Amino acid sequence: MPNLLVLARQQSNRHKKQNPQNMNKVELTVAVQKTLDSTKADAERAVNAVIDGIKLGVKKTKTVQLIGFGTFKISNRKARAGVNPKTGAKIKIKASKTVKFVPGKAFKAAI
């Protein structure tokens, strides 16, 4: 099977100033299109559906586990003290939530 990242880069000419080690959404869509042998619009809908499903799942259940790929879960950050880089003044950073991704065993093995 050809390298999907290489195929996607060959098809995506819009983003020429990108880091060659990062795959963006356009390149992912092109890779899905090639894998499914479908139209670009169908591939884009598929990618968007997966992303929206993960967002909804994390929002509702706080964890989305995809066996063989990994787990998306909400993590709480505590409030902390920080420094404004421009002025050097100390600031308070509020507590917040973030999403963490923990790769699965099969995904780690594939890398």
Protein backbone atom coordinates (compact mmCIF):
# COMPACT_ATOMS: atom_id res chain seq x y z
CA MET A 1 0.00 0.00 0.00
CA PRO A 2 1.48 3.40 -0.91
CA ASN A 3 2.25 5.87 1.83
CA LEU A 4 -0.97 7.88 2.32
CA LEU A 5 0.88 10.95 3.54
CA VAL A 6 2.96 11.07 0.36
CA LEU A 7 -0.15 10.64 -1.80
CA ALA A 8 -1.98 13.35 0.10
CA ARG A 9 0.93 15.77 -0.24
CA GLN A 10 1.08 15.17 -3.98
CA GLN A 11 -2.63 16.00 -4.30
CA SER A 12 -2.65 18.98 -1.92
CA ASN A 13 -0.96 22.01 -3.45
CA ARG A 14 -2.78 24.59 -1.33
CA HIS A 15 -0.50 24.41 1.69
CA LYS A 16 3.06 24.67 0.39
CA LYS A 17 4.56 26.42 3.45
CA GLN A 18 3.69 23.72 5.94
CA ASN A 19 5.90 21.61 8.14
CA PRO A 20 6.67 18.49 6.07
CA GLN A 21 6.19 16.34 9.16
CA ASN A 22 2.58 17.42 9.84
CA MET A 23 -0.50 16.15 8.03
CA ASN A 24 -3.32 18.69 7.85
CA LYS A 25 -7.06 18.16 7.32
CA VAL A 26 -6.84 18.67 3.53
CA GLU A 27 -4.14 16.01 3.25
CA LEU A 28 -6.13 13.66 5.49
CA THR A 29 -9.19 14.17 3.28
CA VAL A 30 -7.17 13.36 0.15
CA ALA A 31 -5.77 10.22 1.83
CA VAL A 32 -9.31 9.10 2.76
CA GLN A 33 -10.46 9.84 -0.78
CA LYS A 34 -7.71 7.61 -2.22
CA THR A 35 -8.39 4.83 0.28
CA LEU A 36 -12.14 4.83 -0.34
CA ASP A 37 -11.77 5.53 -4.07
CA SER A 38 -14.49 8.16 -3.75
CA THR A 39 -15.01 11.84 -4.48
CA LYS A 40 -13.27 14.57 -2.53
CA ALA A 41 -16.66 15.77 -1.21
CA ASP A 42 -17.51 12.28 0.11
CA ALA A 43 -14.10 11.99 1.76
CA GLU A 44 -14.47 15.44 3.35
CA ARG A 45 -17.90 14.49 4.73
CA ALA A 46 -16.41 11.28 6.15
CA VAL A 47 -13.52 13.11 7.85
CA ASN A 48 -15.88 15.78 9.23
CA ALA A 49 -18.29 13.10 10.50
CA VAL A 50 -15.50 11.34 12.43
CA ILE A 51 -14.23 14.61 13.92
CA ASP A 52 -17.76 15.72 14.88
CA GLY A 53 -18.46 12.29 16.39
CA ILE A 54 -15.33 12.48 18.55
CA LYS A 55 -16.22 16.02 19.69
CA LEU A 56 -19.78 15.00 20.58
CA GLY A 57 -18.63 11.85 22.36
CA VAL A 58 -16.05 13.66 24.46
CA LYS A 59 -18.57 16.39 25.31
CA LYS A 60 -21.27 13.89 26.37
CA THR A 61 -19.34 11.05 27.99
CA LYS A 62 -15.95 12.69 28.64
CA THR A 63 -14.15 9.73 27.00
CA VAL A 64 -14.06 8.30 23.48
CA GLN A 65 -12.20 5.01 23.16
CA LEU A 66 -11.33 3.66 19.71
CA ILE A 67 -9.88 0.19 20.20
CA GLY A 68 -6.61 -0.16 18.31
CA PHE A 69 -6.26 3.60 17.88
CA GLY A 70 -6.51 5.41 21.20
CA THR A 71 -8.60 7.28 23.74
CA PHE A 72 -9.69 10.92 23.79
CA LYS A 73 -10.53 12.13 27.28
CA ILE A 74 -11.16 15.33 29.18
CA SER A 75 -8.46 16.40 31.60
CA ASN A 76 -8.79 19.16 34.20
CA ARG A 77 -6.04 21.72 34.60
CA LYS A 78 -5.64 23.35 38.00
CA ALA A 79 -5.45 27.10 38.45
CA ARG A 80 -1.87 28.28 38.58
CA ALA A 81 0.38 31.32 38.65
CA GLY A 82 2.02 32.51 35.45
CA VAL A 83 4.11 35.37 34.08
CA ASN A 84 3.13 37.81 31.34
CA PRO A 85 6.04 37.49 28.87
CA LYS A 86 5.79 41.13 27.74
CA THR A 87 5.67 42.83 31.11
CA GLY A 88 7.05 40.19 33.46
CA ALA A 89 4.04 40.74 35.74
CA LYS A 90 2.68 37.77 37.65
CA ILE A 91 -0.80 36.67 36.57
CA LYS A 92 -3.33 34.10 37.72
CA ILE A 93 -4.28 31.46 35.15
CA LYS A 94 -7.78 30.06 35.68
CA ALA A 95 -8.55 26.37 35.97
CA SER A 96 -9.60 24.90 32.62
CA LYS A 97 -10.45 21.72 30.79
CA THR A 98 -8.50 20.23 27.91
CA VAL A 99 -8.68 17.09 25.79
CA LYS A 100 -5.89 14.55 25.98
CA PHE A 101 -5.20 11.74 23.53
CA VAL A 102 -3.67 8.51 24.76
CA PRO A 103 -2.55 6.27 21.88
CA GLY A 104 -3.62 2.63 21.97
CA LYS A 105 -1.28 -0.34 21.99
CA ALA A 106 -1.80 -1.19 18.31
CA PHE A 107 -1.28 2.43 17.27
CA LYS A 108 1.97 2.64 19.23
CA ALA A 109 3.15 -0.59 17.65
CA ALA A 110 2.39 0.74 14.15
CA ILE A 111 4.64 3.74 14.70
